[in-house]
PDB file of N, CA and C in Angstrom:
ATOM      1  N   MET A   1      85.392 133.014  44.166  1.00  0.00           N
ATOM      2  CA  MET A   1      85.519 131.252  44.532  1.00  0.00           C
ATOM      3  C   MET A   1      83.289 131.337  45.964  1.00  0.00           C
ATOM      4  N   THR A   2      83.648 129.858  45.277  1.00  0.00           N
ATOM      5  CA  THR A   2      82.474 129.758  46.243  1.00  0.00           C
ATOM      6  C   THR A   2      82.114 128.827  47.176  1.00  0.00           C
ATOM      7  N   LYS A   3      81.400 128.702  48.546  1.00  0.00           N
ATOM      8  CA  LYS A   3      82.141 127.604  49.587  1.00  0.00           C
ATOM      9  C   LYS A   3      80.414 126.624  49.311  1.00  0.00           C
ATOM     10  N   GLU A   4      80.574 125.420  49.944  1.00  0.00           N
ATOM     11  CA  GLU A   4      79.606 124.560  49.848  1.00  0.00           C
ATOM     12  C   GLU A   4      78.286 125.233  50.911  1.00  0.00           C
ATOM     13  N   PHE A   5      76.806 124.849  50.297  1.00  0.00           N
ATOM     14  CA  PHE A   5      75.326 125.655  50.513  1.00  0.00           C
ATOM     15  C   PHE A   5      76.036 125.738  52.266  1.00  0.00           C
ATOM     16  N   ARG A   6      76.476 124.144  52.685  1.00  0.00           N
ATOM     17  CA  ARG A   6      76.460 124.066  54.812  1.00  0.00           C
ATOM     18  C   ARG A   6      77.078 124.457  55.081  1.00  0.00           C
ATOM     19  N   GLU A   7      78.562 125.159  55.024  1.00  0.00           N
ATOM     20  CA  GLU A   7      78.978 126.358  55.090  1.00  0.00           C
ATOM     21  C   GLU A   7      78.767 127.399  54.969  1.00  0.00           C
ATOM     22  N   ALA A   8      77.960 127.672  54.170  1.00  0.00           N
ATOM     23  CA  ALA A   8      77.906 129.300  54.172  1.00  0.00           C
ATOM     24  C   ALA A   8      76.791 129.155  55.373  1.00  0.00           C
ATOM     25  N   PHE A   9      75.582 128.333  55.200  1.00  0.00           N
ATOM     26  CA  PHE A   9      74.458 128.167  56.387  1.00  0.00           C
ATOM     27  C   PHE A   9      74.800 128.583  57.874  1.00  0.00           C
ATOM     28  N   LEU A  10      75.958 127.859  58.360  1.00  0.00           N
ATOM     29  CA  LEU A  10      75.947 127.447  59.201  1.00  0.00           C
ATOM     30  C   LEU A  10      77.322 129.351  59.416  1.00  0.00           C
ATOM     31  N   ALA A  11      77.873 129.515  58.461  1.00  0.00           N
ATOM     32  CA  ALA A  11      78.615 131.261  58.592  1.00  0.00           C
ATOM     33  C   ALA A  11      76.957 132.022  59.476  1.00  0.00           C
ATOM     34  N   GLU A  12      75.918 131.620  58.250  1.00  0.00           N
ATOM     35  CA  GLU A  12      75.200 132.332  59.029  1.00  0.00           C
ATOM     36  C   GLU A  12      74.584 132.288  60.110  1.00  0.00           C
ATOM     37  N   LEU A  13      74.218 131.238  60.589  1.00  0.00           N
ATOM     38  CA  LEU A  13      73.720 130.367  61.825  1.00  0.00           C
ATOM     39  C   LEU A  13      74.942 131.613  62.543  1.00  0.00           C
ATOM     40  N   ALA A  14      76.383 131.442  62.836  1.00  0.00           N
ATOM     41  CA  ALA A  14      77.287 132.158  63.823  1.00  0.00           C
ATOM     42  C   ALA A  14      77.371 133.269  63.708  1.00  0.00           C
ATOM     43  N   ALA A  15      77.080 133.749  62.030  1.00  0.00           N
ATOM     44  CA  ALA A  15      76.909 135.302  62.602  1.00  0.00           C
ATOM     45  C   ALA A  15      76.302 135.730  63.747  1.00  0.00           C
ATOM     46  N   ARG A  16      75.323 135.307  63.911  1.00  0.00           N
ATOM     47  CA  ARG A  16      73.558 135.493  64.765  1.00  0.00           C
ATOM     48  C   ARG A  16      73.674 134.766  65.450  1.00  0.00           C
ATOM     49  N   GLU A  17      74.675 134.156  66.157  1.00  0.00           N
ATOM     50  CA  GLU A  17      74.401 133.745  67.362  1.00  0.00           C
ATOM     51  C   GLU A  17      73.676 134.583  68.679  1.00  0.00           C
ATOM     52  N   GLY A  18      73.810 134.669  68.651  1.00  0.00           N
ATOM     53  CA  GLY A  18      72.670 135.078  69.719  1.00  0.00           C
ATOM     54  C   GLY A  18      71.114 135.724  69.733  1.00  0.00           C
ATOM     55  N   GLU A  19      71.103 135.663  68.848  1.00  0.00           N
ATOM     56  CA  GLU A  19      69.687 134.962  68.274  1.00  0.00           C
ATOM     57  C   GLU A  19      68.328 133.761  68.043  1.00  0.00           C
ATOM     58  N   ARG A  20      67.770 134.097  69.053  1.00  0.00           N
ATOM     59  CA  ARG A  20      66.864 132.532  70.124  1.00  0.00           C
ATOM     60  C   ARG A  20      65.803 132.090  68.945  1.00  0.00           C
ATOM     61  N   GLY A  21      65.867 131.317  69.106  1.00  0.00           N
ATOM     62  CA  GLY A  21      64.458 130.997  67.767  1.00  0.00           C
ATOM     63  C   GLY A  21      64.456 131.101  66.119  1.00  0.00           C
ATOM     64  N   LEU A  22      65.869 131.058  65.810  1.00  0.00           N
ATOM     65  CA  LEU A  22      66.724 131.257  64.850  1.00  0.00           C
ATOM     66  C   LEU A  22      66.057 130.417  63.798  1.00  0.00           C
ATOM     67  N   LEU A  23      65.950 128.935  63.856  1.00  0.00           N
ATOM     68  CA  LEU A  23      65.971 127.806  62.358  1.00  0.00           C
ATOM     69  C   LEU A  23      64.330 127.424  63.348  1.00  0.00           C
ATOM     70  N   PRO A  24      63.055 128.416  63.635  1.00  0.00           N
ATOM     71  CA  PRO A  24      61.730 128.682  63.420  1.00  0.00           C
ATOM     72  C   PRO A  24      61.937 129.554  62.856  1.00  0.00           C
ATOM     73  N   ASP A  25      62.230 130.795  63.351  1.00  0.00           N
ATOM     74  CA  ASP A  25      62.082 132.043  62.300  1.00  0.00           C
ATOM     75  C   ASP A  25      61.746 131.485  60.532  1.00  0.00           C
ATOM     76  N   ILE A  26      63.463 130.918  60.522  1.00  0.00           N
ATOM     77  CA  ILE A  26      63.460 130.137  59.227  1.00  0.00           C
ATOM     78  C   ILE A  26      62.393 129.857  58.535  1.00  0.00           C
ATOM     79  N   HIS A  27      61.996 128.489  59.152  1.00  0.00           N
ATOM     80  CA  HIS A  27      60.876 127.817  58.967  1.00  0.00           C
ATOM     81  C   HIS A  27      59.705 128.394  58.891  1.00  0.00           C
ATOM     82  N   ARG A  28      59.353 129.412  59.491  1.00  0.00           N
ATOM     83  CA  ARG A  28      57.868 130.388  59.325  1.00  0.00           C
ATOM     84  C   ARG A  28      58.146 130.897  57.677  1.00  0.00           C
ATOM     85  N   LYS A  29      59.468 132.150  58.040  1.00  0.00           N
ATOM     86  CA  LYS A  29      59.398 133.441  57.418  1.00  0.00           C
ATOM     87  C   LYS A  29      59.269 132.601  55.508  1.00  0.00           C
ATOM     88  N   ALA A  30      60.475 131.090  56.008  1.00  0.00           N
ATOM     89  CA  ALA A  30      61.528 131.330  54.085  1.00  0.00           C
ATOM     90  C   ALA A  30      60.160 129.937  53.691  1.00  0.00           C
ATOM     91  N   GLY A  31      60.135 129.305  54.701  1.00  0.00           N
ATOM     92  CA  GLY A  31      58.846 128.060  54.311  1.00  0.00           C
ATOM     93  C   GLY A  31      59.791 127.228  54.063  1.00  0.00           C
ATOM     94  N   VAL A  32      60.898 126.642  54.526  1.00  0.00           N
ATOM     95  CA  VAL A  32      61.473 125.282  54.605  1.00  0.00           C
ATOM     96  C   VAL A  32      61.428 124.642  56.137  1.00  0.00           C
ATOM     97  N   SER A  33      60.776 123.728  55.434  1.00  0.00           N
ATOM     98  CA  SER A  33      61.200 122.606  56.410  1.00  0.00           C
ATOM     99  C   SER A  33      61.851 122.842  57.663  1.00  0.00           C
ATOM    100  N   LEU A  34      61.421 122.434  58.856  1.00  0.00           N
ATOM    101  CA  LEU A  34      62.811 122.905  60.481  1.00  0.00           C
ATOM    102  C   LEU A  34      63.586 121.471  60.380  1.00  0.00           C
ATOM    103  N   ASP A  35      63.206 120.317  59.551  1.00  0.00           N
ATOM    104  CA  ASP A  35      63.399 119.113  59.676  1.00  0.00           C
ATOM    105  C   ASP A  35      65.096 119.112  58.797  1.00  0.00           C
ATOM    106  N   LEU A  36      64.779 119.319  58.333  1.00  0.00           N
ATOM    107  CA  LEU A  36      65.950 119.695  56.604  1.00  0.00           C
ATOM    108  C   LEU A  36      66.916 121.242  57.265  1.00  0.00           C
ATOM    109  N   LEU A  37      65.904 121.972  58.091  1.00  0.00           N
ATOM    110  CA  LEU A  37      67.707 123.297  58.248  1.00  0.00           C
ATOM    111  C   LEU A  37      68.146 122.484  59.863  1.00  0.00           C
ATOM    112  N   LYS A  38      67.127 122.275  60.924  1.00  0.00           N
ATOM    113  CA  LYS A  38      68.425 120.991  61.660  1.00  0.00           C
ATOM    114  C   LYS A  38      69.334 120.066  61.069  1.00  0.00           C
ATOM    115  N   LYS A  39      69.008 119.514  59.989  1.00  0.00           N
ATOM    116  CA  LYS A  39      69.867 118.428  59.465  1.00  0.00           C
ATOM    117  C   LYS A  39      70.900 119.184  58.337  1.00  0.00           C
ATOM    118  N   LEU A  40      70.389 120.007  57.888  1.00  0.00           N
ATOM    119  CA  LEU A  40      71.647 121.234  57.065  1.00  0.00           C
ATOM    120  C   LEU A  40      72.811 121.540  59.048  1.00  0.00           C
ATOM    121  N   LYS A  41      72.339 121.936  59.836  1.00  0.00           N
ATOM    122  CA  LYS A  41      73.089 122.025  61.160  1.00  0.00           C
ATOM    123  C   LYS A  41      73.841 121.837  61.462  1.00  0.00           C
ATOM    124  N   ALA A  42      73.309 119.956  61.774  1.00  0.00           N
ATOM    125  CA  ALA A  42      73.734 118.552  62.485  1.00  0.00           C
ATOM    126  C   ALA A  42      75.005 117.831  61.445  1.00  0.00           C
ATOM    127  N   ARG A  43      74.574 118.044  60.484  1.00  0.00           N
ATOM    128  CA  ARG A  43      75.311 117.084  59.359  1.00  0.00           C
ATOM    129  C   ARG A  43      76.128 116.971  58.847  1.00  0.00           C
ATOM    130  N   ASP A  44      77.187 116.826  58.290  1.00  0.00           N
ATOM    131  CA  ASP A  44      78.106 117.366  57.893  1.00  0.00           C
ATOM    132  C   ASP A  44      77.107 116.172  56.199  1.00  0.00           C
ATOM    133  N   GLY A  45      77.864 117.339  54.594  1.00  0.00           N
ATOM    134  CA  GLY A  45      77.102 116.272  53.865  1.00  0.00           C
ATOM    135  C   GLY A  45      75.405 116.943  53.478  1.00  0.00           C
ATOM    136  N   ALA A  46      75.253 117.230  54.505  1.00  0.00           N
ATOM    137  CA  ALA A  46      73.461 117.807  54.175  1.00  0.00           C
ATOM    138  C   ALA A  46      72.950 118.466  53.452  1.00  0.00           C
ATOM    139  N   ARG A  47      72.499 118.676  52.131  1.00  0.00           N
ATOM    140  CA  ARG A  47      72.163 119.657  51.108  1.00  0.00           C
ATOM    141  C   ARG A  47      70.789 120.295  50.972  1.00  0.00           C
ATOM    142  N   PRO A  48      70.389 121.511  50.727  1.00  0.00           N
ATOM    143  CA  PRO A  48      68.678 121.207  50.848  1.00  0.00           C
ATOM    144  C   PRO A  48      68.582 121.356  48.826  1.00  0.00           C
ATOM    145  N   ASN A  49      67.269 121.304  48.170  1.00  0.00           N
ATOM    146  CA  ASN A  49      67.333 121.028  46.704  1.00  0.00           C
ATOM    147  C   ASN A  49      67.508 122.465  46.639  1.00  0.00           C
ATOM    148  N   VAL A  50      67.068 123.024  45.503  1.00  0.00           N
ATOM    149  CA  VAL A  50      67.583 124.374  45.174  1.00  0.00           C
ATOM    150  C   VAL A  50      66.777 125.211  45.224  1.00  0.00           C
ATOM    151  N   ASP A  51      65.146 124.610  45.609  1.00  0.00           N
ATOM    152  CA  ASP A  51      64.467 125.476  45.503  1.00  0.00           C
ATOM    153  C   ASP A  51      64.534 126.221  47.251  1.00  0.00           C
ATOM    154  N   ASP A  52      65.107 125.052  48.002  1.00  0.00           N
ATOM    155  CA  ASP A  52      65.074 125.251  49.516  1.00  0.00           C
ATOM    156  C   ASP A  52      66.567 126.472  49.892  1.00  0.00           C
ATOM    157  N   ALA A  53      66.948 126.325  49.079  1.00  0.00           N
ATOM    158  CA  ALA A  53      68.876 126.664  49.252  1.00  0.00           C
ATOM    159  C   ALA A  53      68.198 127.839  48.608  1.00  0.00           C
ATOM    160  N   VAL A  54      67.794 128.951  47.746  1.00  0.00           N
ATOM    161  CA  VAL A  54      67.064 130.086  47.810  1.00  0.00           C
ATOM    162  C   VAL A  54      66.101 130.496  48.311  1.00  0.00           C
ATOM    163  N   ARG A  55      65.113 130.059  49.271  1.00  0.00           N
ATOM    164  CA  ARG A  55      64.120 130.301  50.325  1.00  0.00           C
ATOM    165  C   ARG A  55      65.356 130.857  51.140  1.00  0.00           C
ATOM    166  N   ILE A  56      65.966 129.871  50.994  1.00  0.00           N
ATOM    167  CA  ILE A  56      66.569 129.659  52.870  1.00  0.00           C
ATOM    168  C   ILE A  56      67.975 131.315  52.756  1.00  0.00           C
ATOM    169  N   ALA A  57      69.040 131.164  51.115  1.00  0.00           N
ATOM    170  CA  ALA A  57      69.128 132.357  51.167  1.00  0.00           C
ATOM    171  C   ALA A  57      68.494 133.887  50.628  1.00  0.00           C
ATOM    172  N   ASN A  58      67.324 134.109  50.609  1.00  0.00           N
ATOM    173  CA  ASN A  58      66.744 134.783  50.455  1.00  0.00           C
ATOM    174  C   ASN A  58      66.009 135.107  52.066  1.00  0.00           C
ATOM    175  N   TYR A  59      66.324 134.690  52.878  1.00  0.00           N
ATOM    176  CA  TYR A  59      65.658 134.681  53.994  1.00  0.00           C
ATOM    177  C   TYR A  59      66.966 135.384  54.603  1.00  0.00           C
ATOM    178  N   PHE A  60      68.125 135.733  54.737  1.00  0.00           N
ATOM    179  CA  PHE A  60      69.058 135.916  54.642  1.00  0.00           C
ATOM    180  C   PHE A  60      69.432 137.360  53.547  1.00  0.00           C
ATOM    181  N   GLU A  61      68.947 137.600  53.126  1.00  0.00           N
ATOM    182  CA  GLU A  61      67.958 138.977  52.150  1.00  0.00           C
ATOM    183  C   GLU A  61      68.884 139.339  51.290  1.00  0.00           C
ATOM    184  N   LYS A  62      69.613 137.593  50.786  1.00  0.00           N
ATOM    185  CA  LYS A  62      70.805 137.327  49.706  1.00  0.00           C
ATOM    186  C   LYS A  62      70.221 136.271  48.604  1.00  0.00           C
ATOM    187  N   THR A  63      71.109 136.664  47.216  1.00  0.00           N
ATOM    188  CA  THR A  63      70.485 135.446  46.259  1.00  0.00           C
ATOM    189  C   THR A  63      70.971 134.609  46.760  1.00  0.00           C
ATOM    190  N   LEU A  64      71.238 133.403  45.610  1.00  0.00           N
ATOM    191  CA  LEU A  64      72.199 131.908  46.005  1.00  0.00           C
ATOM    192  C   LEU A  64      73.800 132.666  46.204  1.00  0.00           C
ATOM    193  N   SER A  65      73.329 132.720  44.793  1.00  0.00           N
ATOM    194  CA  SER A  65      75.182 133.246  44.522  1.00  0.00           C
ATOM    195  C   SER A  65      75.436 134.376  45.300  1.00  0.00           C
ATOM    196  N   GLU A  66      74.861 135.072  46.071  1.00  0.00           N
ATOM    197  CA  GLU A  66      76.125 135.908  46.865  1.00  0.00           C
ATOM    198  C   GLU A  66      75.815 134.926  48.527  1.00  0.00           C
ATOM    199  N   PHE A  67      75.210 133.937  48.212  1.00  0.00           N
ATOM    200  CA  PHE A  67      74.922 133.189  49.900  1.00  0.00           C
ATOM    201  C   PHE A  67      76.096 132.552  50.176  1.00  0.00           C
ATOM    202  N   ILE A  68      76.856 131.878  48.960  1.00  0.00           N
ATOM    203  CA  ILE A  68      77.053 131.253  48.458  1.00  0.00           C
ATOM    204  C   ILE A  68      79.109 131.787  48.428  1.00  0.00           C
ATOM    205  N   GLU A  69      78.818 132.940  47.625  1.00  0.00           N
ATOM    206  CA  GLU A  69      80.165 133.462  47.681  1.00  0.00           C
ATOM    207  C   GLU A  69      81.107 133.603  48.960  1.00  0.00           C
ATOM    208  N   GLU A  70      82.454 133.270  48.823  1.00  0.00           N
ATOM    209  CA  GLU A  70      83.341 133.792  49.537  1.00  0.00           C
ATOM    210  C   GLU A  70      82.850 135.051  49.881  1.00  0.00           C
ATOM    211  N   PRO A  71      83.296 135.936  51.021  1.00  0.00           N
ATOM    212  CA  PRO A  71      83.444 137.238  51.436  1.00  0.00           C
ATOM    213  C   PRO A  71      85.099 137.129  50.484  1.00  0.00           C
ATOM    214  N   GLY A  72      84.968 138.746  49.978  1.00  0.00           N
ATOM    215  CA  GLY A  72      85.958 139.145  49.734  1.00  0.00           C
ATOM    216  C   GLY A  72      86.388 139.213  48.585  1.00  0.00           C
ATOM    217  N   ALA A  73      85.852 137.631  47.632  1.00  0.00           N
ATOM    218  CA  ALA A  73      86.818 136.429  46.976  1.00  0.00           C
ATOM    219  C   ALA A  73      86.334 137.821  46.173  1.00  0.00           C
ATOM    220  N   GLU A  74      85.491 138.121  44.734  1.00  0.00           N
ATOM    221  CA  GLU A  74      85.798 138.976  43.482  1.00  0.00           C
ATOM    222  C   GLU A  74      86.508 140.012  44.178  1.00  0.00           C
ATOM    223  N   ARG A  75      86.882 140.068  44.795  1.00  0.00           N
ATOM    224  CA  ARG A  75      88.434 141.655  45.719  1.00  0.00           C
ATOM    225  C   ARG A  75      89.913 141.017  45.239  1.00  0.00           C
ATOM    226  N   ARG A  76      89.596 139.409  45.996  1.00  0.00           N
ATOM    227  CA  ARG A  76      90.580 139.193  45.176  1.00  0.00           C
ATOM    228  C   ARG A  76      90.692 138.960  43.984  1.00  0.00           C
ATOM    229  N   LEU A  77      89.941 138.670  43.346  1.00  0.00           N
ATOM    230  CA  LEU A  77      90.118 138.402  41.924  1.00  0.00           C
ATOM    231  C   LEU A  77      90.179 139.742  41.089  1.00  0.00           C
ATOM    232  N   GLN A  78      89.705 140.680  40.972  1.00  0.00           N
ATOM    233  CA  GLN A  78      90.061 142.187  41.131  1.00  0.00           C
ATOM    234  C   GLN A  78      91.418 142.651  40.532  1.00  0.00           C
ATOM    235  N   ILE A  79      91.910 142.394  42.906  1.00  0.00           N
ATOM    236  CA  ILE A  79      93.269 142.639  42.878  1.00  0.00           C
ATOM    237  C   ILE A  79      93.959 141.607  42.134  1.00  0.00           C
ATOM    238  N   ALA A  80      94.218 140.496  41.545  1.00  0.00           N
ATOM    239  CA  ALA A  80      94.722 139.797  40.854  1.00  0.00           C
ATOM    240  C   ALA A  80      95.034 139.754  39.291  1.00  0.00           C
ATOM    241  N   ASP A  81      93.764 140.513  38.353  1.00  0.00           N
ATOM    242  CA  ASP A  81      93.382 140.964  37.345  1.00  0.00           C
ATOM    243  C   ASP A  81      94.070 142.160  37.177  1.00  0.00           C
ATOM    244  N   ARG A  82      93.746 143.153  38.339  1.00  0.00           N
ATOM    245  CA  ARG A  82      94.941 144.147  37.985  1.00  0.00           C
ATOM    246  C   ARG A  82      96.408 144.406  38.563  1.00  0.00           C
ATOM    247  N   ASP A  83      97.209 143.711  39.475  1.00  0.00           N
ATOM    248  CA  ASP A  83      98.313 142.836  39.349  1.00  0.00           C
ATOM    249  C   ASP A  83      99.075 142.415  37.501  1.00  0.00           C
ATOM    250  N   LYS A  84      98.381 141.909  37.376  1.00  0.00           N
ATOM    251  CA  LYS A  84      98.741 140.967  35.476  1.00  0.00           C
ATOM    252  C   LYS A  84      98.565 141.273  34.897  1.00  0.00           C
ATOM    253  N   ILE A  85      97.664 142.546  34.479  1.00  0.00           N
ATOM    254  CA  ILE A  85      97.393 143.621  33.375  1.00  0.00           C
ATOM    255  C   ILE A  85      99.077 144.711  34.889  1.00  0.00           C
ATOM    256  N   VAL A  86      99.745 144.978  35.502  1.00  0.00           N
ATOM    257  CA  VAL A  86     100.257 145.295  35.871  1.00  0.00           C
ATOM    258  C   VAL A  86     101.740 145.143  34.778  1.00  0.00           C
ATOM    259  N   ARG A  87     101.526 143.575  35.620  1.00  0.00           N
ATOM    260  CA  ARG A  87     103.069 143.204  35.071  1.00  0.00           C
ATOM    261  C   ARG A  87     102.920 143.241  33.493  1.00  0.00           C
ATOM    262  N   ALA A  88     102.275 143.392  32.540  1.00  0.00           N
ATOM    263  CA  ALA A  88     102.711 143.229  31.697  1.00  0.00           C
ATOM    264  C   ALA A  88     102.553 144.495  30.294  1.00  0.00           C
ATOM    265  N   LEU A  89     102.082 145.631  31.464  1.00  0.00           N
ATOM    266  CA  LEU A  89     102.479 146.824  30.989  1.00  0.00           C
ATOM    267  C   LEU A  89     103.918 147.178  31.341  1.00  0.00           C
ATOM    268  N   SER A  90     103.856 146.624  32.736  1.00  0.00           N
ATOM    269  CA  SER A  90     105.803 146.535  33.010  1.00  0.00           C
ATOM    270  C   SER A  90     106.814 146.449  32.091  1.00  0.00           C
ATOM    271  N   ASP A  91     106.099 145.654  31.568  1.00  0.00           N
ATOM    272  CA  ASP A  91     107.250 144.186  30.010  1.00  0.00           C
ATOM    273  C   ASP A  91     107.052 144.870  29.288  1.00  0.00           C
ATOM    274  N   LYS A  92     105.697 145.722  28.446  1.00  0.00           N
ATOM    275  CA  LYS A  92     106.133 147.087  27.129  1.00  0.00           C
ATOM    276  C   LYS A  92     107.190 147.466  28.016  1.00  0.00           C
ATOM    277  N   ASP A  93     107.632 148.545  28.454  1.00  0.00           N
ATOM    278  CA  ASP A  93     107.727 148.857  28.953  1.00  0.00           C
ATOM    279  C   ASP A  93     109.812 149.444  28.833  1.00  0.00           C
ATOM    280  N   GLU A  94     109.995 147.716  29.781  1.00  0.00           N
ATOM    281  CA  GLU A  94     111.618 148.154  29.808  1.00  0.00           C
ATOM    282  C   GLU A  94     111.986 147.449  27.809  1.00  0.00           C
ATOM    283  N   PRO A  95     112.830 148.335  28.099  1.00  0.00           N
ATOM    284  CA  PRO A  95     113.597 148.100  26.899  1.00  0.00           C
ATOM    285  C   PRO A  95     114.094 146.986  25.833  1.00  0.00           C
ATOM    286  N   ALA A  96     114.032 147.346  24.737  1.00  0.00           N
ATOM    287  CA  ALA A  96     114.897 145.796  24.503  1.00  0.00           C
ATOM    288  C   ALA A  96     115.987 145.071  24.108  1.00  0.00           C
ATOM    289  N   PRO A  97     116.660 144.383  24.484  1.00  0.00           N
ATOM    290  CA  PRO A  97     117.352 144.054  24.533  1.00  0.00           C
ATOM    291  C   PRO A  97     119.332 144.013  22.658  1.00  0.00           C
TER     292      PRO A  97
END
């Protein structure tokens, strides 16, 4: 499962809420406009272009895919797949009527 870019951005900011000057730091190190970062933080529906999204994700040391992926989503899918396989195998083990 993925989340909207802005939602992922706000989550990363919240995880680092004690850090002062985070937006200016992202601006300097990622090369993304400070105006865009402020819009992402303040406005529903604000979205960066793909290049800026990649730069922001890289600032947080993530790929864009990792950045927007919900934590644990892959693990939940693996568990669901495992459960489906177990049910299929269990059905085969039942004697025929």
